[in-house]
């Protein structure tokens, strides 16, 4: 294993493993369900976090630093289907917009949704009814 799973808030954007061309960011829960994310450890930097359980302002500030100070050109983002995870996608969109406004090339963002069933889909950019239903089921223990 090249690195331990690091929380977004703990990673230093200029750490040697953060200088790779490609980085994977995963919601904590997505890491548990989608084993392909775990298989990436050793091949590329993998960072984990939760926009619900951590201070969203601090998470965004760290994402902004990662977008601007790491060596990444491409970032894979894996979140769960619940709406609170959608915030990670929005944070990267905003950081990318700020990069572009500063005259820097945008990062290539590969956004994925991990369903509770384990299926992985491209993220449409929208929170749909099934995502709200999944969150209700999760909170009720169904």
Protein backbone atom coordinates (compact mmCIF):
# COMPACT_ATOMS: atom_id res chain seq x y z
CA UNK A 1 0.00 0.00 0.00
CA UNK A 2 1.40 3.33 -1.02
CA UNK A 3 -0.48 5.38 1.55
CA UNK A 4 -2.99 5.03 4.34
CA UNK A 5 -6.47 6.34 3.59
CA UNK A 6 -6.28 9.99 4.52
CA UNK A 7 -9.13 12.23 5.48
CA UNK A 8 -9.50 15.30 3.27
CA UNK A 9 -8.89 17.57 6.24
CA UNK A 10 -5.63 15.82 7.16
CA UNK A 11 -3.93 15.68 3.77
CA UNK A 12 -1.30 18.20 2.77
CA UNK A 13 -1.81 19.13 -0.90
CA UNK A 14 1.94 19.27 -1.51
CA UNK A 15 2.67 15.84 -0.02
CA UNK A 16 4.66 13.67 -2.45
CA UNK A 17 1.77 11.28 -3.14
CA UNK A 18 -0.45 14.27 -3.94
CA UNK A 19 1.77 15.23 -6.86
CA UNK A 20 0.41 12.47 -9.08
CA UNK A 21 -1.54 13.39 -12.18
CA UNK A 22 -4.64 11.57 -10.91
CA UNK A 23 -6.21 11.57 -7.43
CA UNK A 24 -9.29 9.76 -6.14
CA UNK A 25 -11.58 11.40 -3.61
CA UNK A 26 -14.19 9.15 -1.99
CA UNK A 27 -16.92 9.66 0.53
CA UNK A 28 -16.21 7.60 3.64
CA UNK A 29 -19.26 5.39 3.03
CA UNK A 30 -18.44 4.87 -0.66
CA UNK A 31 -15.08 3.46 0.38
CA UNK A 32 -16.85 0.75 2.36
CA UNK A 33 -19.22 -0.27 -0.46
CA UNK A 34 -17.11 0.02 -3.60
CA UNK A 35 -14.05 -2.23 -3.38
CA UNK A 36 -12.61 -0.84 -6.63
CA UNK A 37 -11.81 2.34 -4.71
CA UNK A 38 -9.81 0.36 -2.14
CA UNK A 39 -7.96 -1.40 -4.97
CA UNK A 40 -6.64 2.00 -6.08
CA UNK A 41 -4.52 2.33 -2.94
CA UNK A 42 -0.99 1.74 -4.05
CA UNK A 43 -1.63 3.00 -7.57
CA UNK A 44 -2.82 6.54 -6.91
CA UNK A 45 -3.60 8.93 -4.10
CA UNK A 46 -6.94 8.19 -2.46
CA UNK A 47 -8.45 10.71 -0.05
CA UNK A 48 -11.65 10.19 1.93
CA UNK A 49 -14.10 12.48 3.65
CA UNK A 50 -17.68 13.23 4.59
CA UNK A 51 -19.32 16.58 3.87
CA UNK A 52 -22.01 15.85 6.49
CA UNK A 53 -19.83 14.83 9.44
CA UNK A 54 -17.05 17.35 8.89
CA UNK A 55 -17.21 21.13 8.73
CA UNK A 56 -18.21 21.83 5.10
CA UNK A 57 -16.34 25.16 5.02
CA UNK A 58 -13.11 23.49 6.10
CA UNK A 59 -13.66 20.63 3.64
CA UNK A 60 -14.18 23.12 0.81
CA UNK A 61 -11.07 25.10 1.77
CA UNK A 62 -9.04 21.89 1.68
CA UNK A 63 -10.56 20.90 -1.67
CA UNK A 64 -9.64 24.34 -2.99
CA UNK A 65 -6.03 23.79 -1.82
CA UNK A 66 -5.95 20.31 -3.38
CA UNK A 67 -7.28 21.72 -6.66
CA UNK A 68 -4.67 24.48 -6.71
CA UNK A 69 -1.59 23.05 -5.03
CA UNK A 70 -1.50 19.33 -5.74
CA UNK A 71 -0.10 17.93 -8.97
CA UNK A 72 -3.52 16.60 -9.97
CA UNK A 73 -4.84 17.12 -13.46
CA UNK A 74 -7.65 14.62 -13.06
CA UNK A 75 -9.77 13.73 -10.03
CA UNK A 76 -12.16 10.81 -9.66
CA UNK A 77 -14.90 11.60 -7.15
CA UNK A 78 -16.93 8.74 -5.67
CA UNK A 79 -19.88 9.60 -3.43
CA UNK A 80 -22.85 7.72 -2.12
CA UNK A 81 -26.24 8.32 -3.65
CA UNK A 82 -27.58 10.24 -0.65
CA UNK A 83 -28.03 14.01 -1.15
CA UNK A 84 -25.53 15.04 1.54
CA UNK A 85 -22.73 13.43 -0.48
CA UNK A 86 -23.67 15.58 -3.46
CA UNK A 87 -21.87 18.42 -1.67
CA UNK A 88 -18.46 16.91 -2.56
CA UNK A 89 -19.30 17.20 -6.27
CA UNK A 90 -20.46 20.79 -5.79
CA UNK A 91 -17.30 21.69 -3.87
CA UNK A 92 -15.09 20.40 -6.67
CA UNK A 93 -17.20 22.21 -9.27
CA UNK A 94 -16.74 25.46 -7.35
CA UNK A 95 -12.99 24.92 -6.90
CA UNK A 96 -12.71 24.18 -10.62
CA UNK A 97 -14.66 27.33 -11.48
CA UNK A 98 -12.29 29.37 -9.31
CA UNK A 99 -9.29 27.78 -11.09
CA UNK A 100 -10.73 28.78 -14.44
CA UNK A 101 -11.44 32.33 -13.26
CA UNK A 102 -7.80 32.57 -12.13
CA UNK A 103 -6.66 31.63 -15.63
CA UNK A 104 -5.70 28.04 -14.79
CA UNK A 105 -6.75 24.99 -16.74
CA UNK A 106 -9.74 23.20 -15.25
CA UNK A 107 -9.21 19.82 -13.63
CA UNK A 108 -10.84 16.86 -15.31
CA UNK A 109 -13.50 15.69 -12.86
CA UNK A 110 -14.86 12.16 -13.19
CA UNK A 111 -17.93 12.15 -10.96
CA UNK A 112 -19.42 8.85 -9.82
CA UNK A 113 -22.33 7.87 -7.60
CA UNK A 114 -22.11 4.63 -5.64
CA UNK A 115 -25.58 3.22 -5.05
CA UNK A 116 -26.33 1.40 -1.80
CA UNK A 117 -26.65 -1.74 -3.96
CA UNK A 118 -22.98 -1.33 -4.94
CA UNK A 119 -23.69 -0.20 -8.50
CA UNK A 120 -21.53 2.69 -9.71
CA UNK A 121 -22.99 5.26 -12.10
CA UNK A 122 -21.83 8.48 -13.66
CA UNK A 123 -23.12 11.41 -11.60
CA UNK A 124 -25.72 13.36 -13.55
CA UNK A 125 -25.14 16.51 -11.54
CA UNK A 126 -28.62 16.39 -10.06
CA UNK A 127 -30.09 15.05 -6.86
CA UNK A 128 -32.99 12.83 -7.91
CA UNK A 129 -35.91 11.28 -6.05
CA UNK A 130 -34.12 7.94 -5.66
CA UNK A 131 -31.33 9.68 -3.74
CA UNK A 132 -33.78 11.14 -1.23
CA UNK A 133 -35.46 7.75 -0.88
CA UNK A 134 -32.08 6.09 -0.23
CA UNK A 135 -31.33 8.60 2.50
CA UNK A 136 -34.70 8.01 4.18
CA UNK A 137 -34.11 4.23 4.04
CA UNK A 138 -30.61 4.61 5.45
CA UNK A 139 -31.78 6.73 8.38
CA UNK A 140 -34.60 4.34 9.17
CA UNK A 141 -32.29 1.32 8.99
CA UNK A 142 -34.20 -0.25 6.10
